[in-house]
Amino acid sequence: MKHEWTARSISARCIALLALCACCAAPGGAGEFLERDGARLLRRGMTWRCVGINKHELLDYYLAGAAPCFDGDYEKERATARSALARLSETGVDVIRVRATGFWPTQIEQTYYSGPDRRRLFWERFEQMLDDCDDAGLRIIFTLAWHNGGWADLGHEPLCELIANPHSTSRLMLEEWIRDCVSRYRSRETVLFWELVNEANLSADLKPHFGTEGALWPKDLTKPHAHLFADPVVRDERNNYTSEELAAYVRELAILVKSIDSNHLVSTGFSAPRPAAWHMWMGSLRRTGKMDWTRDTDEEQADYLRLITPDQIDLISIHHYVTGDVDMLALYKRVADGLKKPLYIGECGPCESVFGPHPYASATGVKAMEQLMGATQALDVPLVLWWTWAETDLPIHEPMLDPARHPDALKLLEASSKRAASRKEEPRGELSAESLERFRECSRACAELVEQAKADK
């Protein structure tokens, strides 16, 4: 099914949708919404710190049986989800990060864009997920557009059209979805804050590198891919976009969210920059015909992080997995403090490529987890989320923490969460000498553990 969307039809739809959502939204009024004061996060007017974990696939359990692409028995899948949430709440962790839609374009199309009955069922299941999180005492960071390429496929357009053209079919479809979701839950305290995308900065500035292959997976369309939306989809250099275009994209989406919802903060969902991010951006802009993989200086990395974080964004988002030392975290914290915005680590953990196929089952991987926890605590990063909690369906996205099989990692998560929740002192403007030395010790230890893991292979 191909959607024929125009700016006029989208506008009419959105006006009607906003009116409907205004009636459906929960009552307004101040509550326990997360706030920020410069680089501090606040709840109830007090400094707030948290260690949480990802449960990115949570919604998929609730969509079981809701569309052909989501098979399985709904009651059984919901029971699995509720059990995972209950077990998680026992650890003291109370924040999770979740996709707000299915991952693949087919999943979005079949549950949200296949008529009023399917859409109504989608929101019923979504609401049940929120209710179950309330029962477990969990709050959710929702990523609104986890897989940008899926939205481009829905509009039968190149990814660059979604990113760089506010009037494209795919952008208008995405904005309709954002209006719908944010309007419904702008007053819901279950939502900790809104996140726009997932790691979209890692697909920027790749035109000379990808050539005619494009920046979207899968590239080989000669094989059937049932999860993809119906053809035509684009898999060539037209998908590529620059970091400058990406910055404008997240700025426009943040303005949209904040025009609807004044209660919740907004973050990008970006990963830490590539080591050569600044050089890649400059090379892409100049159309040199080849990638410049020169490693950035610290100041170039800092400038790149500022480039992709517009004023409308409330938290500086990075993802960091242990593949070497963790020295760059201190730089990112310095940039965040300079921008007077909290640093938020949306994903972290011991990397599968270094510590083996099940990093939380590896003694060396667990030690790396402990040292990374020490490093983020020394830097006083207010919000850190580990990857990922108790997946049951294939493929498993490692590192995956299974509470039944990874008791040592579980103990570290519990202790770190309690430590963050009990820490009440106000953050300092600069790191103390003691904190800086503690951070350096943890960074050196991480580097040594990586070398040990490589030697053990």
Protein backbone atom coordinates (compact mmCIF):
# COMPACT_ATOMS: atom_id res chain seq x y z
CA MET A 1 0.00 0.00 0.00
CA LYS A 2 1.44 3.36 -1.01
CA HIS A 3 0.30 6.49 0.78
CA GLU A 4 -0.41 9.57 -1.32
CA TRP A 5 0.43 12.36 1.11
CA THR A 6 0.47 16.07 0.35
CA ALA A 7 1.23 19.06 2.54
CA ARG A 8 -2.45 20.06 2.40
CA SER A 9 -3.76 16.61 3.33
CA ILE A 10 -1.23 16.26 6.12
CA SER A 11 -2.16 19.68 7.47
CA ALA A 12 -5.84 18.82 7.54
CA ARG A 13 -5.16 15.49 9.16
CA CYS A 14 -2.91 17.05 11.78
CA ILE A 15 -5.43 19.76 12.72
CA ALA A 16 -8.07 17.10 13.28
CA LEU A 17 -5.62 14.88 15.09
CA LEU A 18 -4.49 17.65 17.43
CA ALA A 19 -8.09 18.39 18.34
CA LEU A 20 -8.71 14.73 19.06
CA CYS A 21 -5.52 14.36 21.09
CA ALA A 22 -6.29 17.46 23.11
CA CYS A 23 -9.44 15.71 24.27
CA CYS A 24 -7.72 12.37 24.86
CA ALA A 25 -4.64 13.63 26.68
CA ALA A 26 -4.39 13.20 30.40
CA PRO A 27 -5.32 16.26 32.50
CA GLY A 28 -2.66 18.95 32.67
CA GLY A 29 -0.98 20.27 35.78
CA ALA A 30 2.38 20.18 37.48
CA GLY A 31 3.68 16.83 38.60
CA GLU A 32 6.97 15.05 39.06
CA PHE A 33 8.31 15.88 35.62
CA LEU A 34 12.05 15.89 35.12
CA GLU A 35 13.54 19.37 34.86
CA ARG A 36 16.98 20.78 34.26
CA ASP A 37 18.84 23.66 35.79
CA GLY A 38 21.90 24.17 33.64
CA ALA A 39 23.84 20.89 33.74
CA ARG A 40 21.76 19.54 36.66
CA LEU A 41 18.73 17.32 36.41
CA LEU A 42 16.00 18.01 38.95
CA ARG A 43 13.00 16.17 40.36
CA ARG A 44 10.77 17.89 42.88
CA GLY A 45 13.25 20.74 42.79
CA MET A 46 16.13 18.57 43.99
CA THR A 47 19.24 17.32 42.18
CA TRP A 48 18.47 13.94 40.59
CA ARG A 49 20.82 11.18 39.45
CA CYS A 50 19.89 7.81 38.03
CA VAL A 51 21.33 4.57 36.68
CA GLY A 52 18.87 2.78 34.42
CA ILE A 53 18.86 0.25 31.59
CA ASN A 54 17.53 -0.20 28.07
CA LYS A 55 14.52 -2.36 27.32
CA HIS A 56 14.30 -1.20 23.72
CA GLU A 57 12.02 -3.99 22.45
CA LEU A 58 9.41 -3.71 25.21
CA LEU A 59 6.59 -2.53 22.95
CA ASP A 60 7.03 -5.55 20.66
CA TYR A 61 5.68 -7.88 23.38
CA TYR A 62 2.53 -5.78 23.64
CA LEU A 63 1.99 -5.74 19.88
CA ALA A 64 1.86 -9.55 19.67
CA GLY A 65 -1.10 -10.54 17.51
CA ALA A 66 -1.91 -6.93 16.66
CA ALA A 67 -0.72 -7.27 13.04
CA PRO A 68 0.59 -10.02 10.73
CA CYS A 69 4.20 -8.95 11.31
CA PHE A 70 3.82 -9.44 15.08
CA ASP A 71 3.01 -13.09 15.69
CA GLY A 72 2.66 -14.76 19.07
CA ASP A 73 0.02 -14.97 21.77
CA TYR A 74 -0.69 -11.57 23.28
CA GLU A 75 -1.48 -12.73 26.82
CA LYS A 76 1.65 -14.87 26.92
CA GLU A 77 3.86 -12.09 25.54
CA ARG A 78 2.42 -9.52 27.91
CA ALA A 79 3.04 -11.87 30.83
CA THR A 80 6.67 -12.19 29.71
CA ALA A 81 6.98 -8.41 29.60
CA ARG A 82 5.37 -7.94 32.99
CA SER A 83 7.67 -10.53 34.52
CA ALA A 84 10.74 -8.75 33.10
CA LEU A 85 9.51 -5.39 34.40
CA ALA A 86 8.74 -6.78 37.85
CA ARG A 87 12.17 -8.39 38.08
CA LEU A 88 13.79 -5.16 36.97
CA SER A 89 11.92 -3.12 39.59
CA GLU A 90 13.35 -5.42 42.28
CA THR A 91 16.84 -4.17 41.43
CA GLY A 92 15.98 -0.59 42.34
CA VAL A 93 16.31 0.56 38.73
CA ASP A 94 13.37 2.77 37.82
CA VAL A 95 14.17 4.16 34.33
CA ILE A 96 14.16 2.29 31.01
CA ARG A 97 14.66 3.36 27.40
CA VAL A 98 12.14 2.01 24.89
CA ARG A 99 11.29 2.27 21.19
CA ALA A 100 7.96 4.03 20.72
CA THR A 101 7.14 2.05 17.55
CA GLY A 102 8.11 -1.20 15.91
CA PHE A 103 11.59 -1.16 14.40
CA TRP A 104 10.96 -2.11 10.77
CA PRO A 105 8.79 -0.04 8.40
CA THR A 106 6.42 -2.97 7.89
CA GLN A 107 5.83 -3.06 11.65
CA ILE A 108 5.04 0.65 11.74
CA GLU A 109 2.80 0.44 8.68
CA GLN A 110 0.79 -2.57 9.85
CA THR A 111 0.19 -1.30 13.40
CA TYR A 112 -0.19 2.45 12.87
CA TYR A 113 -0.93 3.18 9.20
CA SER A 114 -3.40 0.40 8.36
CA GLY A 115 -6.68 2.02 9.21
CA PRO A 116 -8.50 3.25 12.32
CA ASP A 117 -9.05 -0.19 13.88
CA ARG A 118 -5.37 -1.09 13.79
CA ARG A 119 -4.37 2.33 15.08
CA ARG A 120 -6.90 2.12 17.91
CA LEU A 121 -5.52 -1.31 18.87
CA PHE A 122 -1.98 0.08 18.73
CA TRP A 123 -2.83 2.77 21.27
CA GLU A 124 -4.70 0.30 23.49
CA ARG A 125 -1.59 -1.90 23.66
CA PHE A 126 0.65 1.14 24.13
CA GLU A 127 -1.50 2.22 27.06
CA GLN A 128 -1.29 -1.26 28.61
CA MET A 129 2.48 -1.08 28.40
CA LEU A 130 2.47 2.26 30.23
CA ASP A 131 0.11 0.90 32.89
CA ASP A 132 2.38 -2.09 33.46
CA CYS A 133 5.37 0.21 33.82
CA ASP A 134 3.41 2.25 36.37
CA ASP A 135 2.65 -0.93 38.30
CA ALA A 136 6.38 -1.76 38.34
CA GLY A 137 7.37 1.78 39.34
CA LEU A 138 9.26 2.39 36.10
CA ARG A 139 9.55 5.53 34.01
CA ILE A 140 10.26 5.47 30.28
CA ILE A 141 12.49 7.38 27.91
CA PHE A 142 10.70 7.00 24.57
CA THR A 143 12.68 7.11 21.32
CA LEU A 144 10.21 8.49 18.79
CA ALA A 145 12.04 7.56 15.56
CA TRP A 146 14.46 4.77 16.40
CA HIS A 147 15.12 3.71 12.79
CA ASN A 148 15.07 6.76 10.51
CA GLY A 149 15.53 4.57 7.47
CA GLY A 150 12.22 2.89 8.20
CA TRP A 151 10.39 6.19 7.96
CA ALA A 152 12.13 6.98 4.68
CA ASP A 153 11.03 3.59 3.33
CA LEU A 154 7.46 4.28 4.43
CA GLY A 155 7.49 7.41 2.29
CA HIS A 156 9.26 5.59 -0.59
CA GLU A 157 11.94 8.27 -0.45
CA PRO A 158 15.68 8.55 0.08
CA LEU A 159 16.73 8.97 3.68
CA CYS A 160 18.11 12.41 2.89
CA GLU A 161 14.58 13.54 1.99
CA LEU A 162 13.41 12.66 5.51
CA ILE A 163 16.37 14.41 7.11
CA ALA A 164 16.79 17.49 4.94
CA ASN A 165 13.36 18.21 3.43
CA PRO A 166 10.67 19.29 5.92
CA HIS A 167 8.04 18.97 3.18
CA SER A 168 8.88 15.41 2.13
CA THR A 169 6.29 12.67 2.42
CA SER A 170 8.34 10.72 4.96
CA ARG A 171 8.93 13.80 7.15
CA LEU A 172 5.23 14.67 7.15
CA MET A 173 4.35 11.10 8.12
CA LEU A 174 6.90 11.15 10.94
CA GLU A 175 5.64 14.49 12.19
CA GLU A 176 2.07 13.19 12.21
CA TRP A 177 3.22 10.30 14.38
CA ILE A 178 5.14 12.59 16.74
CA ARG A 179 2.13 14.91 17.12
CA ASP A 180 -0.10 11.96 17.90
CA CYS A 181 2.21 10.33 20.44
CA VAL A 182 3.42 13.47 22.21
CA SER A 183 -0.09 14.97 22.39
CA ARG A 184 -1.44 11.84 24.03
CA TYR A 185 1.26 11.63 26.68
CA ARG A 186 2.37 15.20 27.27
CA SER A 187 0.88 15.05 30.78
CA ARG A 188 1.83 11.46 31.59
CA GLU A 189 4.49 11.18 34.29
CA THR A 190 5.36 7.65 33.15
CA VAL A 191 7.29 9.38 30.36
CA LEU A 192 10.61 10.62 31.74
CA PHE A 193 11.49 12.56 28.58
CA TRP A 194 11.31 12.32 24.80
CA GLU A 195 14.20 11.16 22.66
CA LEU A 196 14.08 11.95 18.94
CA VAL A 197 16.21 9.32 17.16
CA ASN A 198 18.74 6.57 17.77
CA GLU A 199 22.39 7.11 16.78
CA ALA A 200 21.54 9.01 13.61
CA ASN A 201 24.88 10.84 13.81
CA LEU A 202 26.66 7.56 12.97
CA SER A 203 25.06 7.55 9.50
CA ALA A 204 25.98 11.15 8.66
CA ASP A 205 28.70 12.36 6.25
CA LEU A 206 29.22 8.98 4.58
CA LYS A 207 28.63 9.88 0.94
CA PRO A 208 32.20 9.42 -0.30
CA HIS A 209 32.59 6.30 1.83
CA PHE A 210 29.44 4.49 0.73
CA GLY A 211 29.50 5.62 -2.88
CA THR A 212 26.55 4.10 -4.72
CA GLU A 213 25.72 1.60 -1.96
CA GLY A 214 23.96 4.09 0.28
CA ALA A 215 23.85 4.26 4.06
CA LEU A 216 20.85 2.02 4.75
CA TRP A 217 20.82 -1.66 5.67
CA PRO A 218 20.10 -4.05 4.06
CA LYS A 219 21.85 -3.02 0.86
CA ASP A 220 21.17 -6.24 -1.07
CA LEU A 221 17.55 -6.05 -2.22
CA THR A 222 17.82 -9.09 -4.50
CA LYS A 223 16.84 -11.21 -1.51
CA PRO A 224 13.40 -11.01 0.15
CA HIS A 225 13.27 -8.89 3.29
CA ALA A 226 9.82 -9.34 4.78
CA HIS A 227 10.41 -6.63 7.37
CA LEU A 228 10.89 -3.95 4.70
CA PHE A 229 8.02 -1.86 3.44
CA ALA A 230 6.82 -2.51 -0.09
CA ASP A 231 8.99 -1.33 -2.97
CA PRO A 232 10.17 1.06 -4.12
CA VAL A 233 12.82 1.68 -1.47
CA VAL A 234 16.08 3.51 -2.08
CA ARG A 235 19.50 1.92 -1.57
CA ASP A 236 22.02 4.27 -3.14
CA GLU A 237 23.95 7.45 -2.42
CA ARG A 238 20.74 9.51 -2.27
CA ASN A 239 20.29 8.22 1.28
CA ASN A 240 23.35 10.03 2.59
CA TYR A 241 23.13 13.27 4.56
CA THR A 242 25.48 15.64 6.36
CA SER A 243 25.81 16.43 10.05
CA GLU A 244 24.70 19.97 9.26
CA GLU A 245 21.45 18.63 7.81
CA LEU A 246 21.07 16.30 10.79
CA ALA A 247 21.43 19.20 13.24
CA ALA A 248 18.65 21.08 11.44
CA TYR A 249 16.48 17.93 11.47
CA VAL A 250 16.69 17.37 15.24
CA ARG A 251 16.22 21.09 15.86
CA GLU A 252 12.99 21.07 13.83
CA LEU A 253 11.71 17.93 15.55
CA ALA A 254 12.55 19.35 18.99
CA ILE A 255 10.65 22.53 18.18
CA LEU A 256 7.67 20.41 17.13
CA VAL A 257 7.73 18.37 20.36
CA LYS A 258 8.06 21.45 22.55
CA SER A 259 5.24 23.23 20.73
CA ILE A 260 2.97 20.42 21.98
CA ASP A 261 4.51 19.44 25.31
CA SER A 262 5.94 21.88 27.84
CA ASN A 263 6.30 19.22 30.55
CA HIS A 264 9.00 16.93 29.18
CA LEU A 265 12.63 17.45 28.24
CA VAL A 266 13.97 16.46 24.81
CA SER A 267 17.20 14.70 23.84
CA THR A 268 18.62 13.65 20.48
CA GLY A 269 19.45 9.98 21.14
CA PHE A 270 22.84 10.38 19.46
CA SER A 271 25.84 8.17 20.05
CA ALA A 272 29.27 9.50 20.95
CA PRO A 273 30.81 11.00 17.80
CA ARG A 274 32.95 8.84 15.57
CA PRO A 275 36.66 9.39 16.31
CA ALA A 276 36.96 11.20 12.94
CA ALA A 277 33.52 12.87 13.00
CA TRP A 278 34.76 16.43 12.46
CA HIS A 279 37.01 15.45 9.55
CA MET A 280 34.25 13.34 8.00
CA TRP A 281 31.84 16.25 8.16
CA MET A 282 34.30 18.66 6.60
CA GLY A 283 35.26 16.15 3.92
CA SER A 284 31.63 15.47 3.09
CA LEU A 285 30.80 19.16 2.84
CA ARG A 286 33.71 19.77 0.50
CA ARG A 287 32.76 16.74 -1.62
CA THR A 288 36.35 15.54 -1.76
CA GLY A 289 35.36 12.20 -3.20
CA LYS A 290 37.04 10.29 -0.39
CA MET A 291 36.59 9.97 3.35
CA ASP A 292 39.01 11.70 5.67
CA TRP A 293 39.41 9.28 8.59
CA THR A 294 41.97 11.47 10.36
CA ARG A 295 41.38 11.22 14.09
CA ASP A 296 39.94 14.44 15.50
CA THR A 297 41.68 16.45 18.13
CA ASP A 298 39.82 16.86 21.42
CA GLU A 299 38.70 20.33 20.39
CA GLU A 300 37.46 19.08 17.01
CA GLN A 301 35.44 16.41 18.79
CA ALA A 302 34.09 19.07 21.13
CA ASP A 303 33.16 21.31 18.19
CA TYR A 304 31.38 18.42 16.49
CA LEU A 305 29.33 17.66 19.59
CA ARG A 306 28.31 21.32 19.74
CA LEU A 307 27.44 21.25 16.02
CA ILE A 308 24.93 18.39 16.38
CA THR A 309 23.32 19.65 19.61
CA PRO A 310 21.07 22.63 18.81
CA ASP A 311 19.86 25.00 21.52
CA GLN A 312 16.43 23.37 21.58
CA ILE A 313 17.93 20.08 22.87
CA ASP A 314 17.92 19.73 26.67
CA LEU A 315 20.39 16.87 27.26
CA ILE A 316 23.68 15.99 25.58
CA SER A 317 23.22 12.39 24.42
CA ILE A 318 26.06 9.93 23.88
CA HIS A 319 26.38 6.13 23.76
CA HIS A 320 29.63 4.55 24.92
CA TYR A 321 30.73 0.91 24.87
CA VAL A 322 34.02 -0.28 26.33
CA THR A 323 36.32 -0.94 23.38
CA GLY A 324 39.38 0.84 24.83
CA ASP A 325 39.84 3.42 27.55
CA VAL A 326 37.08 5.85 28.47
CA ASP A 327 39.08 9.09 28.39
CA MET A 328 36.69 10.74 25.91
CA LEU A 329 33.91 10.74 28.50
CA ALA A 330 35.70 13.52 30.36
CA LEU A 331 35.74 15.61 27.19
CA TYR A 332 32.01 15.05 26.58
CA LYS A 333 31.26 16.00 30.17
CA ARG A 334 33.29 19.19 29.76
CA VAL A 335 31.38 20.10 26.59
CA ALA A 336 28.03 19.41 28.28
CA ASP A 337 28.99 21.53 31.29
CA GLY A 338 30.11 24.31 28.95
CA LEU A 339 26.75 24.21 27.17
CA LYS A 340 25.05 24.12 30.58
CA LYS A 341 23.23 20.91 29.71
CA PRO A 342 23.23 17.54 31.50
CA LEU A 343 25.27 14.73 29.95
CA TYR A 344 23.14 11.64 29.31
CA ILE A 345 24.64 8.26 28.43
CA GLY A 346 21.75 6.48 26.73
CA GLU A 347 23.60 3.22 26.07
CA CYS A 348 26.74 1.71 27.58
CA GLY A 349 28.24 -1.65 28.42
CA PRO A 350 31.14 -4.04 27.77
CA CYS A 351 31.41 -4.48 24.02
CA GLU A 352 30.64 -7.87 22.47
CA SER A 353 33.46 -7.55 19.91
CA VAL A 354 35.98 -7.23 22.75
CA PHE A 355 34.62 -9.34 25.61
CA GLY A 356 33.06 -12.18 23.67
CA PRO A 357 29.53 -13.16 22.60
CA HIS A 358 28.04 -12.75 26.10
CA PRO A 359 29.93 -9.88 27.79
CA TYR A 360 27.97 -9.97 31.06
CA ALA A 361 28.92 -13.64 31.45
CA SER A 362 32.60 -12.78 31.06
CA ALA A 363 34.58 -12.09 34.25
CA THR A 364 36.67 -9.56 32.33
CA GLY A 365 33.54 -7.97 30.85
CA VAL A 366 31.97 -7.58 34.29
CA LYS A 367 35.16 -5.97 35.58
CA ALA A 368 35.01 -3.53 32.66
CA MET A 369 31.39 -2.79 33.59
CA GLU A 370 32.50 -2.01 37.14
CA GLN A 371 35.26 0.33 35.97
CA LEU A 372 32.95 2.15 33.55
CA MET A 373 30.48 2.61 36.42
CA GLY A 374 33.29 4.09 38.50
CA ALA A 375 34.26 6.43 35.68
CA THR A 376 30.73 7.79 35.18
CA GLN A 377 30.32 8.21 38.93
CA ALA A 378 33.62 10.11 39.19
CA LEU A 379 32.47 12.43 36.38
CA ASP A 380 29.08 12.81 38.08
CA VAL A 381 27.12 11.92 34.92
CA PRO A 382 23.52 12.38 36.09
CA LEU A 383 21.87 9.71 33.91
CA VAL A 384 23.46 6.47 32.69
CA LEU A 385 21.55 3.63 30.97
CA TRP A 386 23.06 0.19 30.43
CA TRP A 387 22.40 -2.06 27.45
CA THR A 388 20.13 -4.11 27.71
CA TRP A 389 17.65 -5.96 29.96
CA ALA A 390 16.43 -9.57 29.56
CA GLU A 391 15.59 -10.01 25.88
CA THR A 392 13.76 -13.23 25.04
CA ASP A 393 13.34 -13.14 21.25
CA LEU A 394 16.00 -13.57 18.59
CA PRO A 395 18.12 -11.83 17.62
CA ILE A 396 19.53 -11.02 21.07
CA HIS A 397 21.25 -7.65 21.12
CA GLU A 398 24.40 -8.05 23.18
CA PRO A 399 25.47 -7.08 25.73
CA MET A 400 22.23 -8.41 27.23
CA LEU A 401 21.90 -8.66 31.01
CA ASP A 402 19.88 -11.70 32.00
CA PRO A 403 19.25 -11.58 35.79
CA ALA A 404 19.11 -15.39 35.99
CA ARG A 405 22.42 -15.97 34.19
CA HIS A 406 24.50 -12.91 35.08
CA PRO A 407 24.40 -12.52 38.88
CA ASP A 408 27.67 -10.57 39.11
CA ALA A 409 26.56 -7.99 36.55
CA LEU A 410 23.18 -7.79 38.26
CA LYS A 411 24.79 -7.00 41.63
CA LEU A 412 26.81 -4.20 40.06
CA LEU A 413 23.69 -2.74 38.45
CA GLU A 414 21.80 -2.85 41.73
CA ALA A 415 24.65 -1.25 43.69
CA SER A 416 25.23 1.46 41.09
CA SER A 417 21.52 2.32 40.95
CA LYS A 418 21.28 2.63 44.73
CA ARG A 419 24.46 4.69 44.87
CA ALA A 420 23.13 7.15 42.27
CA ALA A 421 19.73 7.46 43.95
CA SER A 422 21.26 8.16 47.37
CA ARG A 423 23.75 10.76 46.15
CA LYS A 424 22.30 14.11 47.16
CA GLU A 425 25.19 16.60 47.05
CA GLU A 426 25.07 19.37 44.47
CA PRO A 427 27.26 18.85 41.39
CA ARG A 428 30.49 20.84 41.26
CA GLY A 429 31.33 23.20 38.45
CA GLU A 430 34.63 21.39 37.87
CA LEU A 431 35.94 17.99 38.84
CA SER A 432 37.87 17.87 42.06
CA ALA A 433 41.44 16.55 41.93
CA GLU A 434 40.25 13.45 43.75
CA SER A 435 37.40 12.81 41.28
CA LEU A 436 39.67 13.40 38.30
CA GLU A 437 42.23 10.93 39.61
CA ARG A 438 39.49 8.37 40.28
CA PHE A 439 38.24 8.82 36.71
CA ARG A 440 41.75 8.34 35.31
CA GLU A 441 42.22 5.17 37.35
CA CYS A 442 39.00 3.73 35.96
CA SER A 443 39.95 4.71 32.42
CA ARG A 444 43.35 3.03 32.72
CA ALA A 445 41.72 -0.07 34.19
CA CYS A 446 39.28 -0.27 31.28
CA ALA A 447 42.14 -0.05 28.79
CA GLU A 448 43.99 -2.85 30.59
CA LEU A 449 40.88 -5.04 30.66
CA VAL A 450 40.41 -4.58 26.93
CA GLU A 451 43.98 -5.70 26.30
CA GLN A 452 43.46 -8.67 28.61
CA ALA A 453 40.28 -9.67 26.78
CA LYS A 454 42.03 -9.47 23.41
CA ALA A 455 44.90 -11.60 24.72
CA ASP A 456 42.47 -14.21 26.06
CA LYS A 457 40.82 -14.76 22.66
